[in-house]
């Protein structure tokens, strides 16, 4: 890795253990490391655009009384740049929780050996390459990933989860009767329903989860490191926010979504496309049940 060109923005207090380790890894005369070191969060934020880093390191010792809020702030300022957190013993619990706030990994001071640092740098480089590819695989209307983008990122997330013993929860949602909606109310109403569904998904999932539009009226959200009980919780959250959203839509007709959820653990032998197919199949089965119930009600009415 030491010969690669790599732009790093590092916010670190004393002693500067990460800076020393990075300079050790990239110590050759032809090293292309571009390391920018700052010592405060405001300076870090002000330097992001100028330094154009490929990875950001953030020392939680600089983050004041609410380290997680600082992580969220830095991630919001540069959501496409891999963020790695540094922590001493006093901030260890915050470091573990920072991965739910936008950090891709964390390093503990005193344990920052070359092998460990190279591992997180390799993850950051892979993340940069993968995100750059996935940016070409986005839905133009919503900026969510399309089906190919979700399969690309989902496959990578599943490989990582298999190595770490992680888990995944996948939620799929379908706008009900979208074809009839377009026929009766026009394309603009359908486009509005698509935008509203994308916003609902964004409000129900974390920033580091993957959201996608799989078809004209179908959506998906992949929650990373989500325990099995989270599947039901995420479905209930989506349904609850949909109900609240529909109250604000009155007197217009409500947005109707059909939802299915699936769970995947590290011992599950399915590939990501197979996992996605299974959750989508449940969505289709739900539609069959709805159609059959409608036919039965119609027959009963005629009798």
Protein backbone atom coordinates (compact mmCIF):
# COMPACT_ATOMS: atom_id res chain seq x y z
CA UNK A 1 0.00 0.00 0.00
CA UNK A 2 2.94 2.31 0.62
CA UNK A 3 3.35 3.15 -3.08
CA UNK A 4 -0.23 4.28 -3.63
CA UNK A 5 -1.21 7.90 -3.96
CA UNK A 6 -3.46 8.53 -1.00
CA UNK A 7 -4.88 11.81 0.34
CA UNK A 8 -5.60 11.69 4.06
CA UNK A 9 -7.07 14.37 6.33
CA UNK A 10 -6.23 13.70 9.98
CA UNK A 11 -7.67 15.50 13.01
CA UNK A 12 -5.63 14.28 15.97
CA UNK A 13 -4.62 15.46 19.41
CA UNK A 14 -1.38 14.65 21.20
CA UNK A 15 0.42 12.33 21.03
CA UNK A 16 0.05 12.04 17.26
CA UNK A 17 0.15 8.27 17.09
CA UNK A 18 -1.86 7.97 13.86
CA UNK A 19 0.32 10.54 12.09
CA UNK A 20 3.45 8.65 13.07
CA UNK A 21 1.98 5.32 11.94
CA UNK A 22 0.89 6.72 8.59
CA UNK A 23 4.30 8.21 7.93
CA UNK A 24 5.88 4.86 8.83
CA UNK A 25 3.70 2.98 6.34
CA UNK A 26 4.37 5.56 3.61
CA UNK A 27 8.05 6.05 4.39
CA UNK A 28 9.61 5.24 1.00
CA UNK A 29 11.22 8.10 -0.95
CA UNK A 30 8.66 7.69 -3.77
CA UNK A 31 5.70 7.64 -1.38
CA UNK A 32 2.65 9.50 -2.69
CA UNK A 33 1.01 10.07 0.70
CA UNK A 34 -0.61 13.50 0.98
CA UNK A 35 -1.25 13.93 4.70
CA UNK A 36 -3.00 17.00 6.05
CA UNK A 37 -2.98 17.22 9.87
CA UNK A 38 -5.24 19.53 11.89
CA UNK A 39 -5.94 19.75 15.61
CA UNK A 40 -9.54 21.01 15.88
CA UNK A 41 -12.93 20.00 14.47
CA UNK A 42 -13.65 23.47 12.97
CA UNK A 43 -10.33 23.35 11.12
CA UNK A 44 -11.08 19.85 9.91
CA UNK A 45 -14.45 20.94 8.50
CA UNK A 46 -12.93 23.99 6.85
CA UNK A 47 -10.15 21.91 5.27
CA UNK A 48 -12.23 19.15 3.66
CA UNK A 49 -12.90 20.95 0.38
CA UNK A 50 -9.32 22.21 0.08
CA UNK A 51 -7.62 18.90 0.92
CA UNK A 52 -10.09 16.73 -1.10
CA UNK A 53 -9.20 13.70 1.08
CA UNK A 54 -9.87 10.09 0.19
CA UNK A 55 -10.09 9.22 3.89
CA UNK A 56 -10.69 11.23 7.08
CA UNK A 57 -9.36 10.25 10.52
CA UNK A 58 -11.11 11.81 13.51
CA UNK A 59 -9.72 11.69 17.05
CA UNK A 60 -12.63 11.55 19.52
CA UNK A 61 -10.46 13.30 22.10
CA UNK A 62 -11.03 16.50 20.06
CA UNK A 63 -14.82 16.10 20.02
CA UNK A 64 -15.85 17.59 23.36
CA UNK A 65 -18.72 16.38 25.51
CA UNK A 66 -20.68 14.74 22.68
CA UNK A 67 -18.30 12.72 20.47
CA UNK A 68 -21.10 11.05 18.51
CA UNK A 69 -22.56 14.41 17.51
CA UNK A 70 -19.12 15.40 16.22
CA UNK A 71 -18.95 12.17 14.19
CA UNK A 72 -22.40 12.90 12.73
CA UNK A 73 -21.33 16.47 11.93
CA UNK A 74 -18.16 15.40 10.10
CA UNK A 75 -20.02 12.65 8.23
CA UNK A 76 -22.73 15.09 7.12
CA UNK A 77 -20.05 17.48 5.88
CA UNK A 78 -18.44 14.74 3.74
CA UNK A 79 -20.85 11.80 3.40
CA UNK A 80 -18.95 10.26 0.49
CA UNK A 81 -15.55 10.15 2.21
CA UNK A 82 -14.72 7.15 4.43
CA UNK A 83 -14.44 8.28 8.06
CA UNK A 84 -12.23 6.39 10.56
CA UNK A 85 -12.44 7.21 14.25
CA UNK A 86 -9.52 7.21 16.70
CA UNK A 87 -10.21 6.61 20.39
CA UNK A 88 -8.39 6.29 23.69
CA UNK A 89 -9.68 4.13 26.55
CA UNK A 90 -12.00 6.88 27.78
CA UNK A 91 -13.78 7.05 24.41
CA UNK A 92 -13.84 3.35 23.53
CA UNK A 93 -17.60 2.95 23.94
CA UNK A 94 -18.19 5.98 21.70
CA UNK A 95 -15.85 4.52 19.08
CA UNK A 96 -17.89 1.32 18.81
CA UNK A 97 -21.11 3.31 18.47
CA UNK A 98 -19.64 5.69 15.89
CA UNK A 99 -20.10 3.12 13.11
CA UNK A 100 -23.84 3.72 13.41
CA UNK A 101 -23.28 7.45 12.89
CA UNK A 102 -21.31 7.34 9.65
CA UNK A 103 -17.82 6.02 10.54
CA UNK A 104 -16.71 2.94 8.61
CA UNK A 105 -14.28 1.74 11.32
CA UNK A 106 -12.35 2.81 14.41
CA UNK A 107 -8.84 2.41 15.83
CA UNK A 108 -7.83 2.31 19.49
CA UNK A 109 -4.82 4.31 20.56
CA UNK A 110 -2.04 2.12 21.81
CA UNK A 111 -3.07 -0.65 19.41
CA UNK A 112 -2.39 1.19 16.15
CA UNK A 113 0.17 -1.23 14.70
CA UNK A 114 1.02 -1.23 11.00
CA UNK A 115 -1.09 -4.29 10.21
CA UNK A 116 -4.23 -2.84 11.82
CA UNK A 117 -3.79 0.54 10.18
CA UNK A 118 -3.20 -1.02 6.77
CA UNK A 119 -6.41 -3.04 7.21
CA UNK A 120 -8.59 0.02 7.78
CA UNK A 121 -6.85 1.92 4.98
CA UNK A 122 -7.52 -0.95 2.59
CA UNK A 123 -11.19 -0.90 3.61
CA UNK A 124 -11.30 2.85 2.95
CA UNK A 125 -9.72 2.45 -0.50
CA UNK A 126 -12.16 -0.33 -1.39
CA UNK A 127 -15.03 1.80 -0.15
CA UNK A 128 -13.89 4.70 -2.35
CA UNK A 129 -13.73 2.47 -5.41
CA UNK A 130 -17.07 0.83 -4.69
CA UNK A 131 -18.89 4.08 -3.96
CA UNK A 132 -17.44 5.63 -7.10
CA UNK A 133 -18.80 2.73 -9.13
CA UNK A 134 -22.15 2.84 -7.38
CA UNK A 135 -22.51 6.55 -8.13
CA UNK A 136 -22.93 5.47 -11.76
CA UNK A 137 -25.69 3.09 -10.67
CA UNK A 138 -28.20 5.55 -9.25
CA UNK A 139 -31.79 6.29 -10.14
CA UNK A 140 -31.90 9.70 -11.80
CA UNK A 141 -35.23 10.77 -10.32
CA UNK A 142 -34.57 9.96 -6.65
CA UNK A 143 -30.73 9.68 -6.48
CA UNK A 144 -31.23 6.35 -4.69
CA UNK A 145 -29.30 3.34 -5.98
CA UNK A 146 -30.92 1.36 -8.76
CA UNK A 147 -31.18 -2.44 -8.76
CA UNK A 148 -27.63 -2.95 -10.07
CA UNK A 149 -26.28 -0.49 -7.51
CA UNK A 150 -28.02 -2.26 -4.63
CA UNK A 151 -26.80 -5.66 -5.81
CA UNK A 152 -23.23 -4.33 -6.05
CA UNK A 153 -23.24 -2.74 -2.59
CA UNK A 154 -25.34 -5.50 -1.03
CA UNK A 155 -22.95 -8.20 -2.23
CA UNK A 156 -20.01 -6.29 -0.75
CA UNK A 157 -21.86 -5.73 2.54
CA UNK A 158 -22.72 -9.44 2.71
CA UNK A 159 -19.08 -10.45 2.16
CA UNK A 160 -18.02 -8.14 4.98
CA UNK A 161 -20.78 -9.46 7.26
CA UNK A 162 -19.74 -13.06 6.63
CA UNK A 163 -16.19 -12.29 7.77
CA UNK A 164 -17.26 -10.33 10.84
CA UNK A 165 -20.33 -12.32 11.88
CA UNK A 166 -22.57 -9.40 10.97
CA UNK A 167 -26.25 -9.34 10.04
CA UNK A 168 -28.43 -7.61 7.45
CA UNK A 169 -32.09 -6.61 7.28
CA UNK A 170 -33.69 -5.91 3.91
CA UNK A 171 -36.99 -4.06 3.53
CA UNK A 172 -38.82 -3.87 0.21
CA UNK A 173 -41.75 -1.53 -0.47
CA UNK A 174 -44.11 -1.24 -3.43
CA UNK A 175 -46.45 1.63 -4.25
CA UNK A 176 -49.91 0.08 -4.59
CA UNK A 177 -51.79 0.39 -7.91
CA UNK A 178 -49.19 2.69 -9.47
CA UNK A 179 -50.33 1.82 -13.01
CA UNK A 180 -53.93 2.71 -12.21
CA UNK A 181 -52.73 5.86 -10.44
CA UNK A 182 -50.86 7.01 -13.53
CA UNK A 183 -53.82 6.18 -15.80
CA UNK A 184 -56.39 7.94 -13.62
CA UNK A 185 -54.38 10.82 -12.13
CA UNK A 186 -51.44 11.33 -14.47
CA UNK A 187 -47.67 10.96 -14.39
CA UNK A 188 -47.07 13.94 -12.12
CA UNK A 189 -49.04 12.29 -9.30
CA UNK A 190 -47.02 9.10 -9.74
CA UNK A 191 -43.76 11.04 -9.68
CA UNK A 192 -44.84 12.73 -6.46
CA UNK A 193 -45.64 9.34 -4.90
CA UNK A 194 -42.16 8.13 -5.89
CA UNK A 195 -40.49 11.16 -4.28
CA UNK A 196 -42.55 10.78 -1.09
CA UNK A 197 -41.68 7.08 -0.81
CA UNK A 198 -37.97 7.86 -1.23
CA UNK A 199 -38.20 10.49 1.52
CA UNK A 200 -40.00 8.07 3.85
CA UNK A 201 -37.25 5.49 3.40
CA UNK A 202 -34.57 8.09 4.05
CA UNK A 203 -36.27 9.07 7.29
CA UNK A 204 -36.52 5.49 8.55
CA UNK A 205 -32.96 4.28 7.92
CA UNK A 206 -29.45 5.35 8.95
CA UNK A 207 -27.06 7.29 6.74
CA UNK A 208 -24.79 4.29 6.22
CA UNK A 209 -27.66 2.00 5.13
CA UNK A 210 -28.30 1.49 1.43
CA UNK A 211 -31.52 2.77 -0.17
CA UNK A 212 -32.61 1.86 -3.69
CA UNK A 213 -35.35 2.24 -6.25
CA UNK A 214 -35.67 -1.18 -7.87
CA UNK A 215 -38.34 -0.33 -10.42
CA UNK A 216 -40.91 2.30 -11.32
CA UNK A 217 -42.84 1.79 -8.07
CA UNK A 218 -40.62 -0.55 -6.05
CA UNK A 219 -38.04 0.39 -3.41
CA UNK A 220 -35.64 -1.34 -1.02
CA UNK A 221 -33.53 -0.47 2.02
CA UNK A 222 -30.63 -2.57 3.30
CA UNK A 223 -29.85 -2.05 6.99
CA UNK A 224 -26.29 -3.01 7.95
CA UNK A 225 -25.50 -4.74 11.27
CA UNK A 226 -29.20 -4.90 12.15
CA UNK A 227 -30.18 -7.67 14.57
CA UNK A 228 -33.07 -10.00 13.70
CA UNK A 229 -35.63 -8.19 15.92
CA UNK A 230 -34.85 -5.04 13.93
CA UNK A 231 -36.73 -6.45 10.93
CA UNK A 232 -40.09 -6.11 12.64
CA UNK A 233 -39.09 -2.81 14.25
CA UNK A 234 -38.10 -1.30 10.89
CA UNK A 235 -41.32 -2.46 9.27
CA UNK A 236 -43.37 -0.96 12.10
CA UNK A 237 -41.38 2.28 11.90
CA UNK A 238 -42.04 2.52 8.17
CA UNK A 239 -45.75 1.82 8.62
CA UNK A 240 -46.02 4.32 11.47
CA UNK A 241 -44.32 7.11 9.51
CA UNK A 242 -46.45 6.31 6.49
CA UNK A 243 -49.60 6.73 8.60
CA UNK A 244 -48.36 10.10 9.89
CA UNK A 245 -47.41 11.15 6.37
CA UNK A 246 -50.85 10.26 5.04
CA UNK A 247 -52.50 12.45 7.66
CA UNK A 248 -50.59 15.41 6.22
CA UNK A 249 -51.75 14.45 2.71
CA UNK A 250 -55.44 14.94 3.49
CA UNK A 251 -57.73 15.65 1.73
CA UNK A 252 -55.69 13.97 -1.04
CA UNK A 253 -55.84 10.20 -1.26
CA UNK A 254 -53.29 8.36 0.95
CA UNK A 255 -50.02 6.91 -0.26
CA UNK A 256 -50.45 3.14 -0.14
CA UNK A 257 -47.35 0.96 0.30
CA UNK A 258 -47.01 -2.80 0.49
CA UNK A 259 -44.01 -3.85 2.61
CA UNK A 260 -42.00 -7.05 3.11
CA UNK A 261 -38.92 -7.58 5.29
CA UNK A 262 -36.19 -10.23 5.45
CA UNK A 263 -33.28 -11.05 7.78
CA UNK A 264 -29.87 -12.47 6.87
CA UNK A 265 -27.21 -13.81 9.25
CA UNK A 266 -23.58 -14.77 8.66
CA UNK A 267 -24.44 -18.50 8.60
CA UNK A 268 -27.00 -17.97 5.82
CA UNK A 269 -25.66 -19.48 2.58
CA UNK A 270 -27.68 -17.29 0.21
CA UNK A 271 -26.05 -14.74 -2.07
CA UNK A 272 -27.31 -11.17 -1.94
CA UNK A 273 -29.36 -11.48 -5.17
CA UNK A 274 -30.98 -14.62 -3.71
CA UNK A 275 -31.75 -12.76 -0.47
CA UNK A 276 -33.28 -9.90 -2.44
CA UNK A 277 -35.31 -12.33 -4.57
CA UNK A 278 -36.73 -13.96 -1.43
CA UNK A 279 -37.91 -10.66 0.05
CA UNK A 280 -39.37 -9.59 -3.29
CA UNK A 281 -41.16 -12.94 -3.59
CA UNK A 282 -42.86 -12.25 -0.26
CA UNK A 283 -43.94 -8.89 -1.65
CA UNK A 284 -45.51 -10.63 -4.66
CA UNK A 285 -47.23 -13.20 -2.44
CA UNK A 286 -48.76 -10.37 -0.45
CA UNK A 287 -50.14 -8.93 -3.68
CA UNK A 288 -51.66 -12.30 -4.65
CA UNK A 289 -53.37 -12.43 -1.27
CA UNK A 290 -54.72 -8.91 -1.71
CA UNK A 291 -56.04 -9.70 -5.19
CA UNK A 292 -57.70 -12.92 -4.03
CA UNK A 293 -59.35 -11.10 -1.14
CA UNK A 294 -60.64 -8.44 -3.54
CA UNK A 295 -62.11 -11.09 -5.85
CA UNK A 296 -63.79 -12.85 -2.92
CA UNK A 297 -65.32 -9.59 -1.72
CA UNK A 298 -66.58 -8.86 -5.23
CA UNK A 299 -68.17 -12.27 -5.54
CA UNK A 300 -69.79 -11.91 -2.13
CA UNK A 301 -71.20 -8.53 -3.12
CA UNK A 302 -72.76 -9.99 -6.29
CA UNK A 303 -74.35 -12.81 -4.28
